[in-house]
Amino acid sequence: MVKLLATFIATMVTMPILAIFVVYWLSYIVTKDKKRSFRLSVDLSTVFFIIAVHYLVIIIWGNSYLWVILLLLIMIGMLFVFLQWKYNEEIIFRKVWKGFWRFNFLLFSLGYLSLVIYGLVLRLKDI
């Protein structure tokens, strides 16, 4: 059972787009609500996209730049807190977190797709 769970998690990290579909499918079975299932699948798959980008960077360039990813996440979080304060004159952390997390989904999913294409082109040039 542990080996099966480890294989499932490794697959989700390797192919986070598959994680979106799996989480959507499972949450739709439970909730029967398409909108809520989609939001949940986006929110949960963000973690897989961040991890996948990290490992793609290691594979392509041979170094871990996890510190850059963490610094980027902190800076984006600070930006969202600042913007929330600037426009609303108060900070509602639930809104900040939701915007921060969904922006990271967009950023890291685009980063993932870009790195996959870049890695494929790089490997095809080596052949």
C-alpha atoms as a PDB file:
ATOM      1  CA  MET A   1       0.000   0.000   0.000  1.00  0.00           C
ATOM      2  CA  VAL A   2       2.845   2.388   0.823  1.00  0.00           C
ATOM      3  CA  LYS A   3       4.540   1.621  -2.481  1.00  0.00           C
ATOM      4  CA  LEU A   4       1.293   2.284  -4.352  1.00  0.00           C
ATOM      5  CA  LEU A   5       0.850   5.633  -2.584  1.00  0.00           C
ATOM      6  CA  ALA A   6       4.467   6.592  -3.313  1.00  0.00           C
ATOM      7  CA  THR A   7       4.003   5.713  -6.991  1.00  0.00           C
ATOM      8  CA  PHE A   8       0.803   7.768  -7.146  1.00  0.00           C
ATOM      9  CA  ILE A   9       2.453  10.830  -5.578  1.00  0.00           C
ATOM     10  CA  ALA A  10       5.507  10.493  -7.837  1.00  0.00           C
ATOM     11  CA  THR A  11       3.226  10.390 -10.876  1.00  0.00           C
ATOM     12  CA  MET A  12       1.365  13.499  -9.724  1.00  0.00           C
ATOM     13  CA  VAL A  13       4.644  15.366  -9.236  1.00  0.00           C
ATOM     14  CA  THR A  14       5.977  14.225 -12.594  1.00  0.00           C
ATOM     15  CA  MET A  15       2.773  15.055 -14.452  1.00  0.00           C
ATOM     16  CA  PRO A  16       0.890  17.715 -12.463  1.00  0.00           C
ATOM     17  CA  ILE A  17      -1.599  18.214 -15.289  1.00  0.00           C
ATOM     18  CA  LEU A  18      -2.783  14.697 -14.511  1.00  0.00           C
ATOM     19  CA  ALA A  19      -3.187  15.802 -10.879  1.00  0.00           C
ATOM     20  CA  ILE A  20      -5.710  18.426 -11.959  1.00  0.00           C
ATOM     21  CA  PHE A  21      -7.858  15.795 -13.669  1.00  0.00           C
ATOM     22  CA  VAL A  22      -7.575  13.225 -10.875  1.00  0.00           C
ATOM     23  CA  VAL A  23      -8.447  15.718  -8.129  1.00  0.00           C
ATOM     24  CA  TYR A  24     -11.281  17.158 -10.223  1.00  0.00           C
ATOM     25  CA  TRP A  25     -12.702  13.725 -10.897  1.00  0.00           C
ATOM     26  CA  LEU A  26     -12.496  12.636  -7.240  1.00  0.00           C
ATOM     27  CA  SER A  27     -13.920  15.873  -5.888  1.00  0.00           C
ATOM     28  CA  TYR A  28     -16.727  15.869  -8.459  1.00  0.00           C
ATOM     29  CA  ILE A  29     -17.717  12.376  -7.342  1.00  0.00           C
ATOM     30  CA  VAL A  30     -17.908  13.638  -3.753  1.00  0.00           C
ATOM     31  CA  THR A  31     -19.421  17.114  -4.238  1.00  0.00           C
ATOM     32  CA  LYS A  32     -21.352  16.870  -7.539  1.00  0.00           C
ATOM     33  CA  ASP A  33     -20.422  20.548  -8.043  1.00  0.00           C
ATOM     34  CA  LYS A  34     -18.307  21.354 -11.131  1.00  0.00           C
ATOM     35  CA  LYS A  35     -17.248  24.840 -10.039  1.00  0.00           C
ATOM     36  CA  ARG A  36     -16.184  23.771  -6.551  1.00  0.00           C
ATOM     37  CA  SER A  37     -14.417  20.689  -7.933  1.00  0.00           C
ATOM     38  CA  PHE A  38     -12.469  22.787 -10.433  1.00  0.00           C
ATOM     39  CA  ARG A  39     -11.367  25.274  -7.767  1.00  0.00           C
ATOM     40  CA  LEU A  40     -10.296  22.466  -5.470  1.00  0.00           C
ATOM     41  CA  SER A  41      -8.349  20.747  -8.247  1.00  0.00           C
ATOM     42  CA  VAL A  42      -6.545  23.993  -9.100  1.00  0.00           C
ATOM     43  CA  ASP A  43      -5.752  24.694  -5.454  1.00  0.00           C
ATOM     44  CA  LEU A  44      -4.408  21.206  -4.734  1.00  0.00           C
ATOM     45  CA  SER A  45      -2.464  20.821  -7.966  1.00  0.00           C
ATOM     46  CA  THR A  46      -0.557  24.071  -7.353  1.00  0.00           C
ATOM     47  CA  VAL A  47       1.693  22.198  -4.940  1.00  0.00           C
ATOM     48  CA  PHE A  48       2.432  19.589  -7.600  1.00  0.00           C
ATOM     49  CA  PHE A  49       3.266  22.286 -10.158  1.00  0.00           C
ATOM     50  CA  ILE A  50       5.701  24.000  -7.765  1.00  0.00           C
ATOM     51  CA  ILE A  51       7.463  20.704  -7.022  1.00  0.00           C
ATOM     52  CA  ALA A  52       7.486  19.745 -10.709  1.00  0.00           C
ATOM     53  CA  VAL A  53       9.077  23.063 -11.693  1.00  0.00           C
ATOM     54  CA  HIS A  54      11.744  22.512  -9.058  1.00  0.00           C
ATOM     55  CA  TYR A  55      12.605  19.059 -10.381  1.00  0.00           C
ATOM     56  CA  LEU A  56      12.526  20.190 -14.022  1.00  0.00           C
ATOM     57  CA  VAL A  57      15.041  22.913 -13.183  1.00  0.00           C
ATOM     58  CA  ILE A  58      17.270  20.298 -11.544  1.00  0.00           C
ATOM     59  CA  ILE A  59      17.009  18.033 -14.598  1.00  0.00           C
ATOM     60  CA  ILE A  60      17.657  20.792 -17.135  1.00  0.00           C
ATOM     61  CA  TRP A  61      20.386  22.802 -15.414  1.00  0.00           C
ATOM     62  CA  GLY A  62      21.746  20.282 -12.930  1.00  0.00           C
ATOM     63  CA  ASN A  63      21.403  22.591  -9.904  1.00  0.00           C
ATOM     64  CA  SER A  64      18.695  23.086  -7.348  1.00  0.00           C
ATOM     65  CA  TYR A  65      17.286  26.588  -7.323  1.00  0.00           C
ATOM     66  CA  LEU A  66      14.731  25.912  -4.616  1.00  0.00           C
ATOM     67  CA  TRP A  67      15.868  29.047  -2.805  1.00  0.00           C
ATOM     68  CA  VAL A  68      14.885  31.113  -5.871  1.00  0.00           C
ATOM     69  CA  ILE A  69      11.461  29.475  -5.962  1.00  0.00           C
ATOM     70  CA  LEU A  70      10.927  30.104  -2.245  1.00  0.00           C
ATOM     71  CA  LEU A  71      12.134  33.702  -2.581  1.00  0.00           C
ATOM     72  CA  LEU A  72       9.765  34.188  -5.514  1.00  0.00           C
ATOM     73  CA  LEU A  73       6.865  32.801  -3.465  1.00  0.00           C
ATOM     74  CA  ILE A  74       7.694  35.145  -0.573  1.00  0.00           C
ATOM     75  CA  MET A  75       7.957  38.156  -2.878  1.00  0.00           C
ATOM     76  CA  ILE A  76       4.640  37.346  -4.576  1.00  0.00           C
ATOM     77  CA  GLY A  77       3.029  36.953  -1.159  1.00  0.00           C
ATOM     78  CA  MET A  78       4.408  40.323  -0.057  1.00  0.00           C
ATOM     79  CA  LEU A  79       3.117  41.909  -3.259  1.00  0.00           C
ATOM     80  CA  PHE A  80      -0.383  40.528  -2.699  1.00  0.00           C
ATOM     81  CA  VAL A  81      -0.414  41.746   0.920  1.00  0.00           C
ATOM     82  CA  PHE A  82       0.771  45.197  -0.200  1.00  0.00           C
ATOM     83  CA  LEU A  83      -1.849  45.408  -2.967  1.00  0.00           C
ATOM     84  CA  GLN A  84      -4.601  44.304  -0.574  1.00  0.00           C
ATOM     85  CA  TRP A  85      -3.542  46.969   1.906  1.00  0.00           C
ATOM     86  CA  LYS A  86      -3.182  49.652  -0.778  1.00  0.00           C
ATOM     87  CA  TYR A  87      -6.612  49.130  -2.351  1.00  0.00           C
ATOM     88  CA  ASN A  88      -8.697  48.175   0.692  1.00  0.00           C
ATOM     89  CA  GLU A  89      -6.740  49.874   3.505  1.00  0.00           C
ATOM     90  CA  GLU A  90      -7.045  46.660   5.462  1.00  0.00           C
ATOM     91  CA  ILE A  91      -5.649  43.195   4.969  1.00  0.00           C
ATOM     92  CA  ILE A  92      -8.046  40.279   4.635  1.00  0.00           C
ATOM     93  CA  PHE A  93      -5.701  37.306   4.697  1.00  0.00           C
ATOM     94  CA  ARG A  94      -8.229  34.893   3.237  1.00  0.00           C
ATOM     95  CA  LYS A  95      -8.482  37.006   0.074  1.00  0.00           C
ATOM     96  CA  VAL A  96      -4.722  37.527   0.007  1.00  0.00           C
ATOM     97  CA  TRP A  97      -4.097  33.803   0.283  1.00  0.00           C
ATOM     98  CA  LYS A  98      -6.660  32.914  -2.384  1.00  0.00           C
ATOM     99  CA  GLY A  99      -5.237  35.423  -4.861  1.00  0.00           C
ATOM    100  CA  PHE A 100      -1.658  34.471  -4.020  1.00  0.00           C
ATOM    101  CA  TRP A 101      -2.309  30.770  -4.415  1.00  0.00           C
ATOM    102  CA  ARG A 102      -4.234  31.038  -7.677  1.00  0.00           C
ATOM    103  CA  PHE A 103      -1.638  33.402  -9.142  1.00  0.00           C
ATOM    104  CA  ASN A 104       1.014  30.828  -8.253  1.00  0.00           C
ATOM    105  CA  PHE A 105      -1.025  28.199 -10.050  1.00  0.00           C
ATOM    106  CA  LEU A 106      -0.952  30.296 -13.217  1.00  0.00           C
ATOM    107  CA  LEU A 107       2.720  31.175 -12.815  1.00  0.00           C
ATOM    108  CA  PHE A 108       3.965  27.666 -12.093  1.00  0.00           C
ATOM    109  CA  SER A 109       1.726  25.946 -14.627  1.00  0.00           C
ATOM    110  CA  LEU A 110       3.094  28.273 -17.318  1.00  0.00           C
ATOM    111  CA  GLY A 111       6.590  27.681 -15.934  1.00  0.00           C
ATOM    112  CA  TYR A 112       6.033  23.944 -16.056  1.00  0.00           C
ATOM    113  CA  LEU A 113       4.834  24.003 -19.664  1.00  0.00           C
ATOM    114  CA  SER A 114       7.694  26.299 -20.674  1.00  0.00           C
ATOM    115  CA  LEU A 115      10.300  24.120 -18.990  1.00  0.00           C
ATOM    116  CA  VAL A 116       8.881  20.944 -20.528  1.00  0.00           C
ATOM    117  CA  ILE A 117       9.033  22.473 -24.006  1.00  0.00           C
ATOM    118  CA  TYR A 118      12.501  23.905 -23.361  1.00  0.00           C
ATOM    119  CA  GLY A 119      13.744  20.570 -22.022  1.00  0.00           C
ATOM    120  CA  LEU A 120      12.351  18.672 -25.001  1.00  0.00           C
ATOM    121  CA  VAL A 121      13.936  21.083 -27.489  1.00  0.00           C
ATOM    122  CA  LEU A 122      17.224  20.924 -25.595  1.00  0.00           C
ATOM    123  CA  ARG A 123      17.233  17.107 -25.634  1.00  0.00           C
ATOM    124  CA  LEU A 124      16.266  16.981 -29.315  1.00  0.00           C
ATOM    125  CA  LYS A 125      19.187  19.240 -30.159  1.00  0.00           C
ATOM    126  CA  ASP A 126      21.527  16.787 -28.397  1.00  0.00           C
ATOM    127  CA  ILE A 127      20.440  13.871 -30.591  1.00  0.00           C
END
